[in-house]
Structures are given as C-alpha cells and as structure tokens.
Protein backbone atom coordinates (compact mmCIF):
# COMPACT_ATOMS: atom_id res chain seq x y z
CA UNK A 1 -8.99 -2.83 3.26
CA UNK A 2 -8.21 -4.80 6.24
CA UNK A 3 -12.02 -6.58 6.62
CA UNK A 4 -14.16 -5.00 4.25
CA UNK A 5 -14.07 -3.93 0.86
CA UNK A 6 -12.99 -0.32 2.00
CA UNK A 7 -12.80 0.89 -1.61
CA UNK A 8 -15.06 -0.60 -4.28
CA UNK A 9 -15.32 1.63 -7.17
CA UNK A 10 -18.07 2.88 -9.10
CA UNK A 11 -18.91 0.70 -12.00
CA UNK A 12 -15.78 -1.49 -11.66
CA UNK A 13 -15.50 -4.64 -13.29
CA UNK A 14 -15.35 -7.00 -10.07
CA UNK A 15 -14.98 -10.33 -11.63
CA UNK A 16 -15.09 -13.82 -9.99
CA UNK A 17 -12.74 -16.66 -9.98
CA UNK A 18 -9.22 -17.29 -8.52
CA UNK A 19 -7.56 -15.16 -10.96
CA UNK A 20 -10.16 -12.38 -10.31
CA UNK A 21 -9.58 -12.77 -6.62
CA UNK A 22 -5.70 -12.40 -7.16
CA UNK A 23 -6.45 -9.33 -9.26
CA UNK A 24 -8.79 -7.87 -6.76
CA UNK A 25 -5.95 -8.44 -3.96
CA UNK A 26 -3.73 -6.27 -5.83
CA UNK A 27 -5.95 -3.61 -6.52
CA UNK A 28 -6.92 -3.51 -2.86
CA UNK A 29 -3.70 -2.17 -1.99
CA UNK A 30 -5.25 1.32 -3.18
CA UNK A 31 -8.99 0.37 -1.79
CA UNK A 32 -9.98 -0.55 -5.17
CA UNK A 33 -11.96 -3.94 -6.55
CA UNK A 34 -11.21 -3.87 -10.09
CA UNK A 35 -9.77 -6.22 -11.97
CA UNK A 36 -8.48 -4.06 -15.07
CA UNK A 37 -6.53 -1.91 -12.23
CA UNK A 38 -5.22 -5.45 -10.47
CA UNK A 39 -4.10 -6.19 -14.33
CA UNK A 40 -2.12 -2.87 -14.66
CA UNK A 41 -0.63 -3.03 -11.07
CA UNK A 42 0.63 -6.63 -12.19
CA UNK A 43 1.79 -5.32 -15.41
CA UNK A 44 4.11 -2.60 -12.90
CA UNK A 45 5.45 -5.75 -11.29
CA UNK A 46 6.40 -7.49 -14.63
CA UNK A 47 7.99 -4.32 -15.82
CA UNK A 48 10.15 -4.57 -12.87
CA UNK A 49 10.88 -8.45 -13.18
CA UNK A 50 8.77 -11.30 -14.06
CA UNK A 51 9.75 -13.37 -10.86
CA UNK A 52 8.82 -9.88 -8.74
CA UNK A 53 5.09 -10.69 -10.40
CA UNK A 54 4.79 -14.52 -9.60
CA UNK A 55 6.22 -14.08 -6.11
CA UNK A 56 3.13 -11.30 -5.70
CA UNK A 57 0.62 -13.82 -6.89
CA UNK A 58 1.81 -16.40 -4.82
CA UNK A 59 1.70 -14.20 -1.69
CA UNK A 60 -1.58 -12.88 -2.80
CA UNK A 61 -2.99 -16.09 -3.31
CA UNK A 62 -1.86 -17.90 -0.03
CA UNK A 63 -3.14 -14.82 2.06
CA UNK A 64 -6.52 -15.30 0.41
CA UNK A 65 -6.61 -18.90 1.16
CA UNK A 66 -5.43 -18.67 4.43
CA UNK A 67 -8.25 -16.31 5.09
CA UNK A 68 -10.80 -18.91 3.84
CA UNK A 69 -9.71 -21.21 6.19
CA UNK A 70 -9.69 -19.01 9.07
CA UNK A 71 -13.66 -18.31 8.30
CA UNK A 72 -13.45 -14.81 6.65
CA UNK A 73 -16.56 -14.05 4.71
CA UNK A 74 -16.95 -15.00 0.92
CA UNK A 75 -17.47 -11.81 0.14
CA UNK A 76 -14.34 -10.44 1.33
CA UNK A 77 -12.25 -12.90 -0.15
CA UNK A 78 -13.42 -12.43 -3.63
CA UNK A 79 -12.96 -8.59 -2.98
CA UNK A 80 -9.44 -8.89 -2.21
CA UNK A 81 -9.65 -7.76 1.48
CA UNK A 82 -7.74 -10.91 2.43
CA UNK A 83 -5.11 -10.86 -0.45
CA UNK A 84 -3.81 -7.36 -0.63
CA UNK A 85 -1.43 -8.07 2.37
CA UNK A 86 -0.06 -11.34 0.79
CA UNK A 87 0.70 -9.55 -2.41
CA UNK A 88 2.80 -6.95 -0.61
CA UNK A 89 4.92 -9.59 1.05
CA UNK A 90 5.46 -11.21 -2.15
CA UNK A 91 6.90 -7.74 -3.07
CA UNK A 92 8.66 -7.28 -0.17
CA UNK A 93 10.20 -10.70 -0.58
CA UNK A 94 11.06 -9.89 -3.79
CA UNK A 95 13.02 -6.27 -2.76
CA UNK A 96 14.96 -8.12 0.09
CA UNK A 97 16.04 -11.34 -1.40
CA UNK A 98 15.67 -11.30 -5.38
CA UNK A 99 14.32 -14.58 -6.85
CA UNK A 100 16.59 -17.53 -5.22
CA UNK A 101 14.55 -20.46 -5.02
CA UNK A 102 13.61 -20.03 -1.35
CA UNK A 103 12.10 -16.87 -2.25
CA UNK A 104 8.88 -18.61 -3.02
CA UNK A 105 8.23 -20.81 -0.12
CA UNK A 106 8.83 -17.90 1.86
CA UNK A 107 6.61 -15.53 0.25
CA UNK A 108 4.00 -18.38 0.41
CA UNK A 109 4.50 -18.80 4.22
CA UNK A 110 4.20 -14.81 4.49
CA UNK A 111 1.25 -14.60 2.82
CA UNK A 112 -0.15 -17.55 4.78
CA UNK A 113 0.86 -15.81 8.13
CA UNK A 114 -0.85 -12.44 7.07
CA UNK A 115 -4.21 -14.04 7.56
CA UNK A 116 -4.18 -14.69 11.29
CA UNK A 117 -2.35 -11.80 11.66
CA UNK A 118 -4.97 -9.53 10.14
CA UNK A 119 -7.60 -11.50 12.10
CA UNK A 120 -5.69 -10.72 15.38
CA UNK A 121 -5.05 -6.98 14.33
CA UNK A 122 -8.48 -6.60 13.65
CA UNK A 123 -9.27 -8.41 17.02
CA UNK A 124 -6.97 -5.48 18.84
CA UNK A 125 -8.65 -3.04 17.06
CA UNK A 126 -11.75 -3.74 18.30
CA UNK A 127 -10.98 -4.00 21.92
CA UNK A 128 -12.13 -1.35 24.41
CA UNK A 129 -9.63 1.51 23.94
CA UNK A 130 -9.85 1.53 20.02
CA UNK A 131 -13.33 0.24 19.43
CA UNK A 132 -14.69 3.65 19.29
CA UNK A 133 -12.72 4.95 16.78
CA UNK A 134 -13.36 2.19 13.99
CA UNK A 135 -9.87 1.66 12.86
CA UNK A 136 -9.24 -0.39 9.86
CA UNK A 137 -6.49 -2.77 9.98
CA UNK A 138 -5.03 -1.60 6.51
CA UNK A 139 -1.78 -2.44 5.66
CA UNK A 140 -0.45 -3.24 9.40
CA UNK A 141 -0.47 -6.98 9.17
CA UNK A 142 1.85 -6.65 6.14
CA UNK A 143 4.24 -4.49 7.86
CA UNK A 144 4.26 -6.89 10.88
CA UNK A 145 4.66 -9.86 8.73
CA UNK A 146 7.44 -8.17 6.46
CA UNK A 147 9.40 -6.56 9.36
CA UNK A 148 9.45 -10.26 10.96
CA UNK A 149 10.54 -11.82 7.72
CA UNK A 150 13.18 -8.93 6.98
CA UNK A 151 14.62 -9.74 10.77
CA UNK A 152 14.75 -13.92 9.89
CA UNK A 153 16.44 -13.22 6.51
CA UNK A 154 19.59 -10.88 8.04
CA UNK A 155 22.82 -11.92 6.16
CA UNK A 156 20.52 -12.89 2.95
CA UNK A 157 19.23 -9.52 2.01
CA UNK A 158 20.17 -7.78 -1.22
CA UNK A 159 22.16 -4.60 -0.69
CA UNK A 160 20.24 -2.37 -3.69
CA UNK A 161 22.25 1.13 -4.33
CA UNK A 162 19.71 3.88 -4.68
CA UNK A 163 19.34 4.93 -8.38
CA UNK A 164 20.38 8.23 -9.12
CA UNK A 165 18.26 10.09 -12.02
CA UNK A 166 19.93 12.78 -12.95
CA UNK A 167 18.99 16.68 -13.05
CA UNK A 168 17.10 17.80 -10.13
CA UNK A 169 13.87 18.75 -12.50
CA UNK A 170 14.11 15.15 -13.85
CA UNK A 171 14.25 13.92 -10.46
CA UNK A 172 11.35 15.86 -9.44
CA UNK A 173 8.98 14.74 -12.11
CA UNK A 174 10.42 11.01 -11.88
CA UNK A 175 9.62 11.09 -8.11
CA UNK A 176 5.98 11.83 -9.33
CA UNK A 177 5.49 8.37 -10.72
CA UNK A 178 7.74 6.45 -8.23
CA UNK A 179 6.06 7.56 -5.43
CA UNK A 180 3.15 5.73 -6.70
CA UNK A 181 5.00 2.59 -7.66
CA UNK A 182 7.22 2.50 -4.64
CA UNK A 183 3.92 1.75 -2.78
CA UNK A 184 4.12 -1.87 -4.12
CA UNK A 185 8.07 -1.68 -3.78
CA UNK A 186 8.72 -1.02 -7.59
CA UNK A 187 11.27 1.37 -8.70
CA UNK A 188 9.99 2.68 -12.13
CA UNK A 189 8.54 5.54 -13.64
CA UNK A 190 7.04 3.20 -16.25
CA UNK A 191 5.32 0.95 -13.30
CA UNK A 192 4.18 4.35 -11.41
CA UNK A 193 2.48 5.15 -14.88
CA UNK A 194 0.96 1.78 -15.15
CA UNK A 195 -0.39 1.73 -11.75
CA UNK A 196 -1.55 5.55 -12.15
CA UNK A 197 -3.66 4.55 -15.31
CA UNK A 198 -5.11 1.65 -13.40
CA UNK A 199 -6.27 4.18 -10.49
CA UNK A 200 -7.86 6.53 -12.71
CA UNK A 201 -9.75 3.46 -14.65
CA UNK A 202 -11.14 2.86 -11.14
CA UNK A 203 -12.32 6.39 -10.75
CA UNK A 204 -10.90 9.57 -11.61
CA UNK A 205 -11.07 10.78 -7.62
CA UNK A 206 -8.50 7.68 -6.96
CA UNK A 207 -6.03 8.97 -9.37
CA UNK A 208 -5.99 12.31 -8.55
CA UNK A 209 -5.62 11.69 -4.94
CA UNK A 210 -2.81 9.49 -5.93
CA UNK A 211 -1.08 12.57 -7.90
CA UNK A 212 -1.90 14.86 -4.85
CA UNK A 213 -0.41 12.54 -2.28
CA UNK A 214 2.60 12.08 -4.72
CA UNK A 215 3.35 15.75 -5.26
CA UNK A 216 2.82 16.85 -1.54
CA UNK A 217 5.13 13.83 -0.60
CA UNK A 218 7.69 15.24 -3.03
CA UNK A 219 7.47 18.92 -1.91
CA UNK A 220 7.70 18.05 1.67
CA UNK A 221 10.69 15.62 0.98
CA UNK A 222 12.53 18.79 -1.01
CA UNK A 223 11.47 21.29 1.78
CA UNK A 224 12.79 18.98 4.60
CA UNK A 225 16.02 18.64 2.57
CA UNK A 226 15.67 15.09 2.01
CA UNK A 227 18.30 13.03 0.01
CA UNK A 228 17.85 13.90 -4.02
CA UNK A 229 18.04 10.10 -4.79
CA UNK A 230 15.55 9.17 -2.30
CA UNK A 231 13.05 11.62 -3.50
CA UNK A 232 13.82 10.31 -7.12
CA UNK A 233 13.21 6.66 -5.92
CA UNK A 234 9.92 7.54 -4.49
CA UNK A 235 11.26 6.24 -0.85
CA UNK A 236 9.83 9.68 0.74
CA UNK A 237 6.25 10.10 -0.82
CA UNK A 238 4.90 6.47 -1.22
CA UNK A 239 3.12 6.31 1.86
CA UNK A 240 1.67 10.06 1.22
CA UNK A 241 -0.07 8.32 -1.73
CA UNK A 242 -1.84 5.86 0.01
CA UNK A 243 -2.67 8.35 2.75
CA UNK A 244 -4.31 10.81 0.38
CA UNK A 245 -6.52 8.06 -1.24
CA UNK A 246 -7.60 6.89 2.01
CA UNK A 247 -8.87 10.28 2.70
CA UNK A 248 -10.19 11.72 -0.33
CA UNK A 249 -11.91 8.78 -1.48
CA UNK A 250 -12.26 6.28 1.22
CA UNK A 251 -12.72 7.40 4.82
CA UNK A 252 -13.55 11.14 4.94
CA UNK A 253 -17.03 12.72 3.93
CA UNK A 254 -18.09 15.85 2.70
CA UNK A 255 -16.95 18.11 -0.14
CA UNK A 256 -14.36 19.55 0.58
CA UNK A 257 -12.99 18.28 3.69
CA UNK A 258 -11.78 15.01 2.38
CA UNK A 259 -9.07 16.55 0.17
CA UNK A 260 -7.97 19.02 2.92
CA UNK A 261 -7.36 15.84 4.79
CA UNK A 262 -5.49 14.17 1.78
CA UNK A 263 -3.19 17.07 1.66
CA UNK A 264 -2.67 17.47 5.25
CA UNK A 265 -2.42 13.60 5.53
CA UNK A 266 0.19 13.29 2.93
CA UNK A 267 2.39 16.22 4.18
CA UNK A 268 2.02 14.61 8.07
CA UNK A 269 2.88 11.12 6.19
CA UNK A 270 6.06 12.85 4.84
CA UNK A 271 7.29 14.09 8.27
CA UNK A 272 6.74 10.38 9.78
CA UNK A 273 8.63 8.86 6.75
CA UNK A 274 11.47 10.78 7.20
CA UNK A 275 11.64 10.49 11.08
CA UNK A 276 11.33 6.70 10.42
CA UNK A 277 14.42 6.82 7.95
CA UNK A 278 16.52 6.86 10.75
CA UNK A 279 15.47 3.54 12.57
CA UNK A 280 17.08 0.63 11.50
CA UNK A 281 14.99 -1.50 8.53
CA UNK A 282 12.21 -0.78 6.17
CA UNK A 283 9.57 1.73 7.03
CA UNK A 284 7.32 -0.48 4.67
CA UNK A 285 3.61 1.38 4.53
CA UNK A 286 3.77 2.18 8.64
CA UNK A 287 3.91 5.94 8.20
CA UNK A 288 0.39 5.84 6.09
CA UNK A 289 -0.76 3.41 8.68
CA UNK A 290 -0.22 5.74 11.30
CA UNK A 291 -1.06 8.96 10.16
CA UNK A 292 -4.57 7.35 8.68
CA UNK A 293 -5.26 5.90 12.23
CA UNK A 294 -4.40 9.54 13.42
CA UNK A 295 -6.62 11.17 11.17
CA UNK A 296 -9.42 8.88 11.66
CA UNK A 297 -9.27 9.30 15.67
CA UNK A 298 -9.77 12.94 15.08
CA UNK A 299 -12.45 12.92 12.74
CA UNK A 300 -14.33 10.71 15.01
CA UNK A 301 -13.68 12.87 18.36
CA UNK A 302 -14.58 16.02 16.15
CA UNK A 303 -18.34 16.75 16.15
CA UNK A 304 -18.06 18.90 12.92
CA UNK A 305 -16.20 15.91 10.97
CA UNK A 306 -17.69 12.78 9.75
CA UNK A 307 -16.82 9.31 8.05
CA UNK A 308 -18.21 7.51 5.15
C-alpha cells in the first residue's frame, strides 16, 4: 500500500474499470488487489450501515481521481493503491458524524486531500534520513487527514458509547472478529466475519495472519488489564491485524521469520495502541504504522533479515 501494489494476491481476480478500482481500494486496506475481497469488505460496510458504504465508495473514488490528477501511475490507481486511504476517510467520517448531508462533501474533500498528502508523505520518506529504510507511506496519509477532519468538526461529532457484549468468553470471541472489522471502523462480529472470508479468498496466509494478529491483540489487551468493552469492540486489537498481515505476507522474507515478526509486531502494536489511548482523539491506525516502520528499520539494519 501507499505507492505500489504491495500485496497483489496469488490468482487474484483484479478486474478493470471504475468499479474494480474502487473495490481494489477497499481490498488494499489489507494489502490485496482482489475484487472479491473488496466486495466482501464493502458488504461489511453495508452490514453496518448503507450510508457508511456510500461514504466509503465516495472517499475511495475521490482519492483515486485526485491521484490520477497528480500523475500517479495508472497501474497503481487501478490496483487501488490511491484509493484505500480515501476509503478509510469515508469510514472515519461516518464514524464521527453519521450520515447528515454534510458528511458526503466532507468525505469527498477528505478523499481528494489524501492524494497530495500521500505524495508528500512518500517524498518525506524518500529523503536522506529515511531513504535507506524504504518505508511505505501505508495508512499514514489517512491518519493525518482523518485527524485534521476530526479536529475540524469539533462540536459536531457523535458520542458513540461502547457496546457491552456479555460474559467474558463472549467478549473474547467477539473481539477476534471485531478486531478485524475495526480496521475499517466497523463494530460488528458479522462484519469481521465477512472481511475475514474475503482475506481467505485473497490468500490463506492473509486470513491466517489476520487471525494471528487479532488473537495476539486480544490476549495482550487482557494481559494489560484493558477495559473489556474496548476489547470486545476491537478497539484494542485492530491495528495488530494489519501489522501481522504486513509482516507475515508483505514485507518480511523467509520461512518462519515473517510469522515471528507477525506475532511480535502484533504484541508491540497492542502496547502502542493502549499507550495511545491515553491521548485525546482517535488513534486510527497509527499504532500499526509506527510498529511496521520500526520493524522494517530493524529488518533493514540486520544482516540476517531480509525484505521481500
């Protein structure tokens, strides 16, 4: 993600056209270029709310269009690499505001802004202090734009109370799915199941990595005495899902090293997530971004570790 098609899955039905580009943008949130995966992620949004799905599509389309205007390669646009941050902007707009009329121009504006922010982030990461580490921009542009929107709509934001699941075992098993759904700001066991199915369709390693990251995130949250409501709602473990996929499938090379990095990275991400919960405002996917950058730096400086 973030400049190149980082995770085209084996045998993935890529597709062409505007609809395929938008669906690729959804699947690229999880490093995939797969129409079926994108459809199931879209279904997870629909399961949460139809209007959320509309905002996601608008954000993704706007981000892809702006990327084209800024000269992004056509292959990257078609693969969804310019659309995934915009899709997340649409989701975060719904999460903050619901679906009043002004959510739609805001999602479009935020999606448009993702393209230049992505370009600037990539340029920053290509400067001398960072260039040697070859760090991807990944979802950092989304985090920056979403935070700007969140600050700008102070006073309009919804106050969404956490959902209480029930008994502790129910909360534990619910979190394994909501960790996955909360990557895209959906609080739904069924949404998580739909997304997980899409990840297995992309490649079995992607699905297994998502489960590993989710499980590690929940276990770490419980070990650190995190609020069970947050654990059940996936707010403690969602970033670890992305970290696990990033290392197990996309960035780390080797037979067992990628999975060690996936487990360790998900655990570190959980710690970063809980630390960032002390800050005002949403953390978005910053814990995943920061942990992944740290892991990639470690791989780059270690002579025994290699990147894909």
